[in-house]
N, C-alpha and C. Protein backbone atom coordinates (compact mmCIF):
# COMPACT_ATOMS: atom_id res chain seq x y z
N MET A 1 137.90 18.27 222.38
CA MET A 1 136.77 18.55 223.21
C MET A 1 135.93 17.47 223.38
N GLN A 2 135.79 16.36 222.22
CA GLN A 2 135.00 15.29 222.03
C GLN A 2 135.37 14.29 223.27
N ALA A 3 136.59 14.05 223.05
CA ALA A 3 137.59 13.24 224.15
C ALA A 3 137.33 13.54 225.61
N VAL A 4 136.99 15.08 225.77
CA VAL A 4 137.22 15.49 227.17
C VAL A 4 135.70 15.33 227.61
N ASN A 5 134.86 15.53 226.63
CA ASN A 5 133.18 15.07 227.26
C ASN A 5 133.20 13.87 227.33
N MET A 6 133.71 12.98 226.66
CA MET A 6 133.35 11.58 226.95
C MET A 6 134.17 10.90 228.08
N PHE A 7 135.13 11.82 228.28
CA PHE A 7 135.89 10.96 229.50
C PHE A 7 135.28 11.75 230.85
N LEU A 8 134.61 12.80 230.89
CA LEU A 8 133.78 13.28 232.21
C LEU A 8 132.37 12.67 232.20
N LEU A 9 131.86 12.46 230.90
CA LEU A 9 130.50 11.23 230.99
C LEU A 9 130.68 10.21 231.30
N VAL A 10 132.00 9.34 231.10
CA VAL A 10 132.37 7.91 231.77
C VAL A 10 132.46 8.13 233.20
N LEU A 11 133.49 9.40 233.84
CA LEU A 11 133.72 9.44 235.38
C LEU A 11 132.84 9.65 236.11
N ALA A 12 131.71 10.60 235.15
CA ALA A 12 130.56 10.93 236.04
C ALA A 12 129.53 9.91 236.25
N ALA A 13 129.47 8.82 235.24
CA ALA A 13 128.78 7.74 235.51
C ALA A 13 129.39 6.85 236.23
N LEU A 14 130.66 6.60 236.54
CA LEU A 14 131.10 5.93 237.51
C LEU A 14 131.17 6.35 238.71
N PHE A 15 131.70 7.39 239.24
CA PHE A 15 131.83 7.80 240.53
C PHE A 15 130.99 7.94 241.63
N PRO A 16 129.40 8.18 241.26
CA PRO A 16 128.58 8.11 242.14
C PRO A 16 128.35 6.39 242.44
N ILE A 17 128.31 5.26 241.77
CA ILE A 17 128.17 4.27 241.64
C ILE A 17 129.27 3.85 242.60
N VAL A 18 130.44 3.84 242.19
CA VAL A 18 131.54 2.98 242.79
C VAL A 18 131.65 3.89 244.22
N ASN A 19 131.37 5.08 244.47
CA ASN A 19 131.79 5.86 245.56
C ASN A 19 132.77 5.75 246.56
N PRO A 20 133.90 5.99 245.87
CA PRO A 20 135.24 5.23 246.57
C PRO A 20 135.67 5.92 248.33
N PRO A 21 135.07 7.22 248.48
CA PRO A 21 135.04 7.75 249.60
C PRO A 21 134.01 6.72 250.65
N GLY A 22 132.67 6.53 250.15
CA GLY A 22 131.87 5.58 251.20
C GLY A 22 132.27 4.15 251.17
N SER A 23 133.11 4.00 250.38
CA SER A 23 133.15 2.27 250.03
C SER A 23 134.64 2.22 250.90
N ALA A 24 135.49 3.11 250.93
CA ALA A 24 136.64 2.98 251.96
C ALA A 24 136.06 2.63 253.15
N LEU A 25 135.27 3.24 253.63
CA LEU A 25 134.85 3.23 255.19
C LEU A 25 134.30 1.55 255.21
N VAL A 26 133.61 1.16 254.38
CA VAL A 26 132.99 -0.08 254.37
C VAL A 26 134.52 -1.11 254.15
N PHE A 27 135.06 -0.68 253.57
CA PHE A 27 136.28 -1.42 253.31
C PHE A 27 137.20 -1.57 254.69
N LEU A 28 137.18 -0.39 255.29
CA LEU A 28 137.83 -0.34 256.51
C LEU A 28 137.31 -1.30 257.49
N ALA A 29 135.92 -1.31 257.63
CA ALA A 29 135.02 -2.15 258.61
C ALA A 29 135.25 -3.66 258.08
N MET A 30 135.73 -3.88 256.85
CA MET A 30 135.81 -5.37 256.64
C MET A 30 136.94 -5.84 256.76
N THR A 31 137.81 -4.92 256.70
CA THR A 31 139.16 -5.26 257.23
C THR A 31 139.77 -5.11 258.44
N ARG A 32 138.87 -5.11 259.55
CA ARG A 32 139.07 -4.62 260.98
C ARG A 32 140.17 -5.62 261.43
N GLY A 33 141.28 -5.11 262.08
CA GLY A 33 142.35 -5.96 262.69
C GLY A 33 143.66 -6.13 261.75
N THR A 34 143.26 -5.92 260.24
CA THR A 34 144.48 -6.17 259.49
C THR A 34 145.75 -4.91 259.38
N ARG A 35 146.69 -5.66 259.68
CA ARG A 35 148.13 -4.37 259.77
C ARG A 35 147.67 -3.45 258.32
N PRO A 36 148.42 -1.81 258.76
CA PRO A 36 148.26 -1.15 257.87
C PRO A 36 149.07 -1.02 256.68
N GLU A 37 149.97 -2.10 256.53
CA GLU A 37 150.63 -2.56 255.31
C GLU A 37 150.24 -3.63 254.33
N ILE A 38 149.28 -4.36 255.05
CA ILE A 38 148.46 -5.20 254.21
C ILE A 38 147.30 -5.12 253.79
N ARG A 39 146.54 -4.04 254.42
CA ARG A 39 145.82 -3.19 254.01
C ARG A 39 145.75 -2.25 252.84
N ARG A 40 147.24 -1.79 252.84
CA ARG A 40 147.47 -1.17 251.35
C ARG A 40 147.79 -2.17 250.12
N SER A 41 148.50 -3.25 250.82
CA SER A 41 148.58 -4.06 249.58
C SER A 41 147.03 -4.39 248.97
N LEU A 42 146.28 -4.73 250.02
CA LEU A 42 145.09 -4.91 249.64
C LEU A 42 144.25 -4.04 248.93
N ALA A 43 144.49 -2.77 249.02
CA ALA A 43 143.97 -1.63 248.46
C ALA A 43 144.45 -1.73 246.75
N ARG A 44 145.67 -2.35 246.85
CA ARG A 44 146.30 -2.05 245.62
C ARG A 44 145.90 -3.04 244.68
N ARG A 45 145.56 -4.19 245.27
CA ARG A 45 145.01 -5.53 244.46
C ARG A 45 143.49 -5.05 244.35
N VAL A 46 142.67 -4.38 245.15
CA VAL A 46 141.26 -4.17 244.61
C VAL A 46 141.25 -3.13 243.68
N ALA A 47 142.04 -2.04 243.56
CA ALA A 47 142.19 -0.93 242.31
C ALA A 47 142.57 -1.89 241.22
N LEU A 48 143.17 -2.66 241.43
CA LEU A 48 143.86 -3.43 239.92
C LEU A 48 142.76 -4.15 239.30
N ASN A 49 141.73 -5.04 240.40
CA ASN A 49 140.83 -5.67 239.97
C ASN A 49 139.89 -5.25 239.53
N ALA A 50 139.32 -3.89 240.16
CA ALA A 50 138.56 -2.92 239.69
C ALA A 50 138.49 -2.49 238.20
N PHE A 51 140.04 -2.28 237.95
CA PHE A 51 140.08 -1.70 236.56
C PHE A 51 139.97 -2.68 235.69
N ALA A 52 140.50 -4.00 236.09
CA ALA A 52 140.23 -4.95 235.07
C ALA A 52 138.66 -5.56 234.61
N VAL A 53 137.90 -5.50 235.74
CA VAL A 53 136.61 -5.73 235.63
C VAL A 53 135.90 -4.78 234.94
N LEU A 54 136.33 -3.28 235.34
CA LEU A 54 135.64 -2.27 234.45
C LEU A 54 135.75 -2.32 232.95
N VAL A 55 136.92 -2.77 232.74
CA VAL A 55 137.65 -2.89 231.11
C VAL A 55 137.22 -3.78 230.44
N GLY A 56 136.79 -5.15 231.59
CA GLY A 56 136.40 -6.28 230.67
C GLY A 56 134.93 -5.99 230.45
N SER A 57 134.28 -5.39 231.64
CA SER A 57 132.65 -5.04 231.06
C SER A 57 132.57 -4.23 230.20
N LEU A 58 133.45 -3.18 230.04
CA LEU A 58 133.42 -2.47 228.78
C LEU A 58 133.20 -2.90 227.42
N LEU A 59 134.48 -3.85 227.48
CA LEU A 59 135.10 -4.52 226.16
C LEU A 59 134.16 -5.85 225.70
N MET A 60 134.08 -6.56 226.46
CA MET A 60 133.67 -7.75 226.69
C MET A 60 132.49 -8.19 227.16
N GLY A 61 131.67 -7.25 228.00
CA GLY A 61 130.37 -7.59 229.00
C GLY A 61 129.51 -7.79 228.02
N ALA A 62 129.21 -7.19 227.28
CA ALA A 62 127.78 -7.58 226.17
C ALA A 62 128.33 -8.58 225.50
N LEU A 63 129.29 -9.24 224.98
CA LEU A 63 129.35 -10.42 224.49
C LEU A 63 129.24 -11.69 225.19
N VAL A 64 129.83 -11.48 226.50
CA VAL A 64 129.58 -12.56 227.91
C VAL A 64 128.06 -12.68 228.10
N LEU A 65 127.50 -11.81 228.07
CA LEU A 65 126.25 -11.55 228.51
C LEU A 65 125.26 -12.35 227.34
N GLN A 66 125.88 -12.03 226.22
CA GLN A 66 125.17 -12.73 225.10
C GLN A 66 125.30 -14.00 224.74
N LEU A 67 126.90 -14.75 225.47
CA LEU A 67 127.25 -16.06 224.95
C LEU A 67 126.27 -16.90 226.24
N TYR A 68 126.15 -16.34 227.25
CA TYR A 68 124.97 -17.39 228.20
C TYR A 68 123.65 -16.87 228.14
N GLY A 69 123.55 -16.18 227.44
CA GLY A 69 121.80 -15.53 227.47
C GLY A 69 121.46 -15.04 228.72
N ILE A 70 122.55 -14.22 229.10
CA ILE A 70 121.77 -13.16 230.18
C ILE A 70 121.73 -11.96 230.04
N SER A 71 120.29 -11.46 230.20
CA SER A 71 120.16 -10.07 229.81
C SER A 71 120.56 -8.88 230.95
N ILE A 72 120.86 -7.97 230.70
CA ILE A 72 121.15 -6.98 231.96
C ILE A 72 119.94 -6.90 233.03
N PRO A 73 118.71 -6.81 232.86
CA PRO A 73 117.57 -6.65 234.04
C PRO A 73 118.17 -8.04 234.49
N VAL A 74 118.52 -8.84 234.27
CA VAL A 74 118.73 -10.22 235.04
C VAL A 74 119.87 -10.31 235.89
N LEU A 75 120.92 -9.46 235.32
CA LEU A 75 122.58 -9.12 236.23
C LEU A 75 121.92 -8.19 236.96
N GLN A 76 121.13 -7.30 237.07
CA GLN A 76 120.59 -5.98 237.80
C GLN A 76 119.95 -6.93 238.86
N VAL A 77 118.94 -7.68 238.67
CA VAL A 77 118.42 -8.54 239.98
C VAL A 77 119.19 -9.47 240.73
N ALA A 78 120.09 -9.91 240.12
CA ALA A 78 120.89 -10.99 240.73
C ALA A 78 122.05 -10.11 241.61
N GLY A 79 122.66 -9.25 240.87
CA GLY A 79 123.91 -8.63 241.66
C GLY A 79 123.28 -7.32 242.60
N GLY A 80 121.98 -7.00 242.41
CA GLY A 80 121.44 -5.84 243.47
C GLY A 80 120.93 -6.65 244.53
N PHE A 81 120.82 -8.13 244.37
CA PHE A 81 120.29 -8.71 245.72
C PHE A 81 121.61 -9.07 246.82
N ILE A 82 122.44 -9.13 245.95
CA ILE A 82 123.95 -9.61 246.56
C ILE A 82 124.30 -8.07 247.28
N VAL A 83 124.06 -7.14 246.67
CA VAL A 83 124.65 -5.90 247.32
C VAL A 83 124.06 -5.16 248.23
N ALA A 84 122.63 -5.48 248.14
CA ALA A 84 121.60 -5.42 249.09
C ALA A 84 121.77 -6.22 250.47
N ILE A 85 122.26 -7.45 250.03
CA ILE A 85 122.66 -8.45 251.28
C ILE A 85 123.72 -7.89 252.06
N SER A 86 124.75 -7.54 251.21
CA SER A 86 126.10 -7.31 251.65
C SER A 86 125.84 -5.89 252.69
N GLY A 87 125.31 -4.71 252.24
CA GLY A 87 124.71 -3.50 253.01
C GLY A 87 124.26 -3.88 254.33
N TRP A 88 123.00 -4.57 253.72
CA TRP A 88 122.45 -4.85 255.44
C TRP A 88 123.11 -5.95 256.18
N GLU A 89 123.74 -6.45 256.11
CA GLU A 89 124.79 -7.42 256.87
C GLU A 89 125.73 -6.21 257.76
N LEU A 90 126.13 -5.51 256.97
CA LEU A 90 127.34 -4.15 257.66
C LEU A 90 126.60 -3.17 258.02
N LEU A 91 125.24 -3.31 258.01
CA LEU A 91 124.25 -2.34 258.33
C LEU A 91 124.47 -2.60 259.92
N ASN A 92 123.75 -3.79 260.10
CA ASN A 92 123.88 -4.40 261.53
C ASN A 92 125.14 -4.34 262.18
N GLU A 93 126.12 -4.84 261.91
CA GLU A 93 127.45 -4.88 262.38
C GLU A 93 128.35 -3.55 262.75
N GLY A 94 127.84 -2.86 261.81
CA GLY A 94 128.60 -1.30 261.91
C GLY A 94 129.98 -1.38 261.81
N SER A 95 131.09 -0.60 262.67
CA SER A 95 132.42 -0.69 262.24
C SER A 95 133.05 -1.69 263.28
N HIS A 96 132.17 -2.41 264.33
CA HIS A 96 132.46 -3.78 265.08
C HIS A 96 132.34 -5.08 264.71
N LYS A 97 132.43 -5.17 263.52
CA LYS A 97 132.68 -6.67 262.83
C LYS A 97 133.95 -7.31 263.43
N GLU A 98 132.99 -8.53 263.91
CA GLU A 98 133.86 -9.60 264.63
C GLU A 98 134.40 -10.76 263.60
N VAL A 99 135.66 -10.83 263.58
CA VAL A 99 135.91 -12.39 263.07
C VAL A 99 135.65 -13.55 263.70
N ASP A 100 134.74 -14.48 263.27
CA ASP A 100 134.36 -15.54 263.77
C ASP A 100 135.21 -16.48 264.34
N ALA A 101 136.33 -17.09 263.17
CA ALA A 101 137.16 -17.87 263.48
C ALA A 101 138.45 -17.37 264.01
N PRO A 102 139.15 -18.46 265.02
CA PRO A 102 140.53 -18.08 265.58
C PRO A 102 141.59 -17.57 264.41
N ALA A 103 142.50 -16.76 265.22
CA ALA A 103 143.49 -16.08 264.35
C ALA A 103 144.32 -16.87 263.64
N GLU A 104 145.00 -18.03 263.90
CA GLU A 104 145.42 -18.70 263.46
C GLU A 104 144.74 -19.60 262.38
N GLY A 105 143.50 -19.74 262.51
CA GLY A 105 142.74 -20.37 261.33
C GLY A 105 142.26 -19.31 260.36
N ALA A 106 142.36 -17.84 260.48
CA ALA A 106 141.59 -17.13 259.65
C ALA A 106 141.98 -17.07 258.51
N ALA A 107 141.33 -17.01 257.39
CA ALA A 107 141.88 -16.77 255.95
C ALA A 107 142.73 -15.56 255.95
N ASP A 108 143.63 -15.55 254.67
CA ASP A 108 144.44 -14.75 254.33
C ASP A 108 143.62 -13.58 254.09
N PRO A 109 143.62 -12.11 254.52
CA PRO A 109 143.00 -11.17 254.06
C PRO A 109 143.06 -10.94 252.54
N LEU A 110 144.38 -10.83 251.98
CA LEU A 110 144.29 -10.86 250.48
C LEU A 110 143.78 -11.78 249.54
N SER A 111 143.21 -12.99 250.36
CA SER A 111 142.40 -13.91 249.63
C SER A 111 140.94 -13.17 249.27
N GLN A 112 140.48 -12.29 250.24
CA GLN A 112 139.65 -11.41 249.81
C GLN A 112 139.36 -10.22 248.86
N ALA A 113 140.50 -10.05 248.20
CA ALA A 113 140.57 -9.04 247.44
C ALA A 113 139.83 -8.74 246.20
N PHE A 114 139.33 -10.07 245.51
CA PHE A 114 138.36 -10.02 244.49
C PHE A 114 137.20 -9.95 245.30
N TYR A 115 136.63 -11.32 245.75
CA TYR A 115 135.48 -11.27 246.18
C TYR A 115 135.39 -11.53 248.15
N PRO A 116 134.67 -10.33 248.87
CA PRO A 116 133.88 -9.48 248.43
C PRO A 116 134.73 -8.08 247.97
N LEU A 117 135.57 -7.65 248.09
CA LEU A 117 136.17 -6.15 248.23
C LEU A 117 135.79 -5.94 247.02
N THR A 118 136.45 -6.51 245.81
CA THR A 118 136.35 -5.96 244.58
C THR A 118 134.68 -5.65 244.22
N LEU A 119 134.42 -7.23 243.92
CA LEU A 119 132.68 -7.57 243.53
C LEU A 119 132.38 -8.14 244.58
N PRO A 120 131.03 -7.72 245.42
CA PRO A 120 130.48 -6.28 244.77
C PRO A 120 130.68 -5.21 245.41
N LEU A 121 131.46 -5.19 246.53
CA LEU A 121 131.66 -3.93 247.30
C LEU A 121 131.95 -2.75 246.51
N THR A 122 133.01 -2.99 245.62
CA THR A 122 133.71 -1.86 244.81
C THR A 122 133.00 -1.72 243.35
N THR A 123 133.04 -2.89 242.43
CA THR A 123 132.53 -2.36 241.16
C THR A 123 131.66 -3.98 241.63
N GLY A 124 130.17 -3.38 241.73
CA GLY A 124 129.29 -4.00 241.86
C GLY A 124 128.48 -4.28 240.39
N PRO A 125 127.25 -4.80 240.33
CA PRO A 125 126.51 -4.99 239.52
C PRO A 125 125.96 -3.92 238.38
N GLY A 126 125.83 -2.87 239.44
CA GLY A 126 125.51 -1.48 238.81
C GLY A 126 126.38 -0.77 237.79
N THR A 127 127.91 -1.12 238.56
CA THR A 127 128.89 -0.22 237.62
C THR A 127 129.03 -1.36 236.52
N ILE A 128 129.13 -3.04 236.41
CA ILE A 128 129.21 -3.60 235.34
C ILE A 128 128.05 -3.19 234.47
N ALA A 129 126.84 -2.95 234.81
CA ALA A 129 125.71 -2.71 234.16
C ALA A 129 125.90 -1.35 233.00
N VAL A 130 126.46 -0.62 234.10
CA VAL A 130 126.61 0.78 233.48
C VAL A 130 127.91 0.58 232.04
N MET A 131 128.76 0.05 232.64
CA MET A 131 130.08 -0.12 231.82
C MET A 131 129.50 -0.79 230.33
N ILE A 132 128.69 -2.02 230.53
CA ILE A 132 128.13 -2.62 229.03
C ILE A 132 127.17 -1.94 228.78
N SER A 133 126.67 -0.67 229.20
CA SER A 133 125.56 -0.12 228.60
C SER A 133 126.29 0.91 227.52
N LEU A 134 127.36 1.57 228.33
CA LEU A 134 128.42 2.29 227.67
C LEU A 134 129.44 1.40 226.47
N GLY A 135 129.40 0.17 226.49
CA GLY A 135 130.23 -0.44 225.70
C GLY A 135 128.95 -0.92 224.35
N LEU A 136 127.89 -0.77 224.76
CA LEU A 136 126.88 -0.94 223.56
C LEU A 136 126.48 0.42 223.06
N SER A 137 126.48 1.35 223.54
CA SER A 137 126.08 2.86 223.06
C SER A 137 127.54 3.02 222.10
N ASN A 138 128.74 2.55 222.61
CA ASN A 138 129.92 2.98 221.50
C ASN A 138 129.76 2.36 220.53
N ALA A 139 129.26 0.78 220.47
CA ALA A 139 129.29 0.16 218.90
C ALA A 139 128.52 0.63 218.04
N SER A 140 127.43 1.93 218.11
CA SER A 140 126.78 2.38 217.33
C SER A 140 127.70 3.78 216.59
N HIS A 141 128.69 3.89 217.24
CA HIS A 141 129.60 4.93 216.43
C HIS A 141 130.09 4.42 215.59
N ASP A 142 130.81 5.49 214.66
CA ASP A 142 131.84 5.29 213.50
C ASP A 142 133.33 4.93 214.08
N ARG A 143 134.07 4.26 213.39
CA ARG A 143 135.46 3.92 213.95
C ARG A 143 136.11 5.10 214.23
N GLU A 144 136.41 6.32 213.82
CA GLU A 144 136.82 7.46 214.69
C GLU A 144 136.18 7.76 215.82
N ASP A 145 135.09 8.02 216.30
CA ASP A 145 134.59 8.10 217.31
C ASP A 145 134.53 7.24 218.12
N SER A 146 134.56 6.06 217.79
CA SER A 146 134.59 4.84 218.61
C SER A 146 135.85 4.75 219.28
N MET A 147 137.31 4.94 218.37
CA MET A 147 138.36 5.11 218.95
C MET A 147 138.84 6.20 220.05
N ILE A 148 138.08 6.98 219.77
CA ILE A 148 138.14 8.64 220.83
C ILE A 148 137.21 8.02 222.17
N PHE A 149 136.46 7.51 221.90
CA PHE A 149 135.35 7.03 223.52
C PHE A 149 136.36 6.24 224.25
N LEU A 150 136.58 5.02 223.25
CA LEU A 150 137.67 4.13 224.17
C LEU A 150 138.71 4.33 224.82
N PHE A 151 139.40 5.60 224.40
CA PHE A 151 140.41 5.98 224.90
C PHE A 151 139.95 6.85 225.91
N ALA A 152 139.11 7.74 225.82
CA ALA A 152 138.39 8.36 227.06
C ALA A 152 138.21 7.77 228.22
N ALA A 153 137.53 6.43 227.42
CA ALA A 153 136.68 5.68 229.09
C ALA A 153 137.88 4.84 229.42
N LEU A 154 139.11 4.34 229.10
CA LEU A 154 140.07 3.81 229.38
C LEU A 154 140.90 4.99 230.47
N LEU A 155 140.92 5.93 229.94
CA LEU A 155 141.37 7.13 230.89
C LEU A 155 140.79 7.20 232.27
N ALA A 156 139.07 7.30 232.09
CA ALA A 156 138.63 7.56 233.22
C ALA A 156 138.59 6.38 233.85
N ILE A 157 138.41 5.19 233.52
CA ILE A 157 138.58 4.05 234.26
C ILE A 157 139.95 4.19 235.09
N ALA A 158 141.25 4.31 234.37
CA ALA A 158 142.46 4.58 235.20
C ALA A 158 142.12 5.74 236.46
N VAL A 159 141.96 6.53 235.97
CA VAL A 159 141.38 7.61 237.18
C VAL A 159 140.62 7.23 238.24
N MET A 160 139.93 6.28 238.01
CA MET A 160 138.66 5.91 238.84
C MET A 160 139.64 4.57 239.78
N ALA A 161 140.61 4.05 239.14
CA ALA A 161 141.10 2.76 239.67
C ALA A 161 142.13 3.71 240.89
N VAL A 162 142.89 4.52 240.53
CA VAL A 162 143.83 5.81 241.28
C VAL A 162 143.23 5.94 242.50
N THR A 163 141.78 6.49 242.20
CA THR A 163 140.66 7.26 243.58
C THR A 163 140.53 6.23 244.36
N ILE A 164 140.11 4.83 243.93
CA ILE A 164 139.99 3.61 244.70
C ILE A 164 141.06 3.12 245.69
N PHE A 165 142.22 3.27 245.17
CA PHE A 165 143.67 2.87 245.82
C PHE A 165 143.78 3.96 246.78
N LEU A 166 143.90 5.08 246.50
CA LEU A 166 144.12 6.42 247.39
C LEU A 166 143.03 6.23 248.70
N ALA A 167 141.84 6.16 248.26
CA ALA A 167 140.66 6.00 249.24
C ALA A 167 140.66 4.79 250.16
N PHE A 168 141.09 3.75 249.72
CA PHE A 168 141.11 2.59 250.53
C PHE A 168 142.37 2.64 251.38
N ALA A 169 143.41 3.06 250.71
CA ALA A 169 144.80 2.82 251.41
C ALA A 169 144.97 3.31 252.53
N TYR A 170 144.26 4.84 252.22
CA TYR A 170 144.36 5.72 253.57
C TYR A 170 142.92 5.95 254.47
N ALA A 171 142.33 4.88 254.14
CA ALA A 171 141.09 5.10 255.12
C ALA A 171 141.34 5.08 256.53
N ASP A 172 142.32 4.65 256.83
CA ASP A 172 142.56 4.63 258.14
C ASP A 172 142.74 6.06 259.00
N ARG A 173 143.38 7.19 257.84
CA ARG A 173 143.22 8.14 258.67
C ARG A 173 141.94 8.88 258.52
N LEU A 174 141.14 8.76 257.53
CA LEU A 174 139.56 8.96 257.82
C LEU A 174 139.04 8.68 259.31
N GLN A 175 139.34 7.55 259.38
CA GLN A 175 138.82 6.85 260.78
C GLN A 175 139.35 7.66 261.48
N ARG A 176 140.70 8.06 261.93
CA ARG A 176 141.36 8.62 263.20
C ARG A 176 140.90 10.03 262.99
N LEU A 177 140.36 10.61 261.87
CA LEU A 177 139.56 11.98 262.08
C LEU A 177 138.41 12.01 262.52
N LEU A 178 137.57 10.96 262.08
CA LEU A 178 136.42 10.74 262.62
C LEU A 178 136.21 10.29 263.98
N GLY A 179 137.07 9.38 264.41
CA GLY A 179 136.92 8.91 265.79
C GLY A 179 136.25 7.99 265.86
N PRO A 180 136.35 7.00 266.95
CA PRO A 180 135.53 5.70 266.71
C PRO A 180 133.73 5.78 266.80
N GLY A 181 133.48 6.83 267.23
CA GLY A 181 132.06 7.15 266.97
C GLY A 181 131.52 7.47 265.80
N GLY A 182 132.18 8.56 265.55
CA GLY A 182 132.18 9.07 264.00
C GLY A 182 132.26 8.44 262.66
N THR A 183 133.21 7.26 262.88
CA THR A 183 133.36 6.16 261.93
C THR A 183 132.34 5.13 262.46
N ASP A 184 131.80 4.89 263.27
CA ASP A 184 130.89 3.69 263.35
C ASP A 184 129.67 4.46 262.69
N ILE A 185 129.21 5.61 262.54
CA ILE A 185 128.14 6.49 262.27
C ILE A 185 128.57 6.29 260.64
N ALA A 186 129.58 6.75 260.41
CA ALA A 186 129.68 7.09 258.82
C ALA A 186 129.48 5.38 257.99
N VAL A 187 130.14 4.26 258.70
CA VAL A 187 130.01 3.24 258.22
C VAL A 187 128.64 2.60 258.10
N ARG A 188 127.99 3.19 259.27
CA ARG A 188 126.54 2.83 258.92
C ARG A 188 125.78 3.57 257.97
N ILE A 189 126.12 4.74 257.94
CA ILE A 189 125.51 5.51 256.74
C ILE A 189 125.95 5.13 255.23
N SER A 190 127.25 4.63 255.19
CA SER A 190 127.83 4.04 254.04
C SER A 190 126.93 2.77 253.91
N ALA A 191 126.68 1.50 254.69
CA ALA A 191 126.01 0.25 254.58
C ALA A 191 124.70 0.59 253.89
N PHE A 192 124.34 1.80 255.11
CA PHE A 192 122.52 1.96 254.16
C PHE A 192 122.72 2.26 252.92
N ILE A 193 123.77 3.45 252.42
CA ILE A 193 123.30 3.81 250.89
C ILE A 193 123.76 2.58 250.30
N LEU A 194 124.91 1.80 250.56
CA LEU A 194 125.09 0.39 249.95
C LEU A 194 123.85 -0.33 249.76
N PHE A 195 122.97 -0.60 250.74
CA PHE A 195 121.91 -1.40 250.57
C PHE A 195 120.66 -0.75 249.87
N CYS A 196 120.67 0.53 249.83
CA CYS A 196 119.83 1.39 248.89
C CYS A 196 120.12 1.16 247.59
N LEU A 197 121.17 1.45 247.06
CA LEU A 197 121.71 0.98 245.99
C LEU A 197 121.54 -0.31 245.61
N GLY A 198 121.68 -1.21 246.17
CA GLY A 198 121.21 -2.51 245.90
C GLY A 198 119.93 -2.92 245.30
N VAL A 199 119.12 -2.20 246.32
CA VAL A 199 117.44 -2.56 246.02
C VAL A 199 117.15 -1.62 244.91
N GLN A 200 117.88 -0.41 244.68
CA GLN A 200 117.74 0.10 243.64
C GLN A 200 118.07 -0.51 242.54
N ILE A 201 119.22 -0.93 242.28
CA ILE A 201 119.83 -1.97 241.35
C ILE A 201 118.63 -3.11 241.09
N LEU A 202 118.46 -3.80 242.00
CA LEU A 202 117.44 -4.79 241.97
C LEU A 202 116.26 -4.59 241.19
N TRP A 203 115.52 -3.04 241.75
CA TRP A 203 114.27 -2.88 241.35
C TRP A 203 114.29 -2.10 239.76
N SER A 204 115.42 -1.65 239.51
CA SER A 204 115.67 -1.47 238.01
C SER A 204 115.56 -2.80 236.93
N GLY A 205 116.36 -3.51 237.69
CA GLY A 205 116.24 -4.46 236.44
C GLY A 205 114.87 -5.42 236.89
N ALA A 206 114.18 -5.52 238.21
CA ALA A 206 112.82 -6.20 238.01
C ALA A 206 111.81 -5.24 237.43
N SER A 207 111.83 -4.40 237.31
CA SER A 207 110.83 -2.89 236.83
C SER A 207 110.79 -3.67 235.44
N VAL A 208 111.76 -3.47 234.67
CA VAL A 208 112.02 -4.18 233.18
C VAL A 208 111.32 -5.47 232.71
N LEU A 209 111.86 -6.18 233.90
CA LEU A 209 111.24 -7.97 233.69
C LEU A 209 109.60 -7.83 233.87
N LEU A 210 109.33 -7.12 234.76
CA LEU A 210 107.94 -7.35 235.09
C LEU A 210 107.34 -6.29 233.88
N ALA A 211 107.72 -5.48 233.25
CA ALA A 211 106.94 -4.80 232.46
C ALA A 211 106.96 -5.38 230.86
N SER A 212 108.20 -6.11 230.70
CA SER A 212 108.10 -7.33 229.48
C SER A 212 106.99 -8.09 229.64
N VAL A 213 106.76 -8.56 230.78
CA VAL A 213 105.57 -9.94 231.35
C VAL A 213 104.47 -9.25 231.10
N VAL A 214 104.20 -7.81 231.44
CA VAL A 214 103.03 -7.50 231.46
C VAL A 214 102.66 -7.18 229.41
N HIS A 215 103.54 -6.52 229.18
CA HIS A 215 103.66 -6.32 227.82
C HIS A 215 103.15 -7.56 226.87
N VAL A 216 103.89 -8.47 227.45
CA VAL A 216 103.49 -9.93 226.54
C VAL A 216 102.19 -10.41 226.87
N SER A 217 101.91 -10.31 228.09
CA SER A 217 100.17 -10.72 228.55
C SER A 217 99.32 -9.80 227.92
């Protein structure tokens, strides 16, 4: 029961932030014009990248931040700013994002698998901050509880990665179900939520930093 509770805790913490169904429509808009088989290959890469980012954040995130002297609030401010910009641009473009470069000079869509499709679209700073926080909380557990938590967290991350792949790989079916108008509305709503999430992440970090300045002064 302890493992089940920890599994549900990690999954419940990740799902609202990653939001695979909403991110899938944004993914579809950002890969407009890509063949379905390439989009599925891209979805698989994004899912694998997301799994690696989540596991790395859980196990090594706190160590990396400590090594470079970066606090979680600073990570939230910087990452939230990037997420907000991405959401704002997509909010203005909707599902009609155009490719500026000509087709023969266009970049390989698979080269976008990590940035921006994995980071910050799928596993952004909010997700990383949550995983680092969970990793820090796990450090206070005894050895047995720590191993149970680690197993449950890895299982939850694997389930999330599979969900990301399914949502992204078959996002075109959702588009056909919604139709052009419905897809554009859904993409803009998802983009607005992404923008709000970025602002919320930014404010969460900024409020901590401002509080520390006020406390010191």
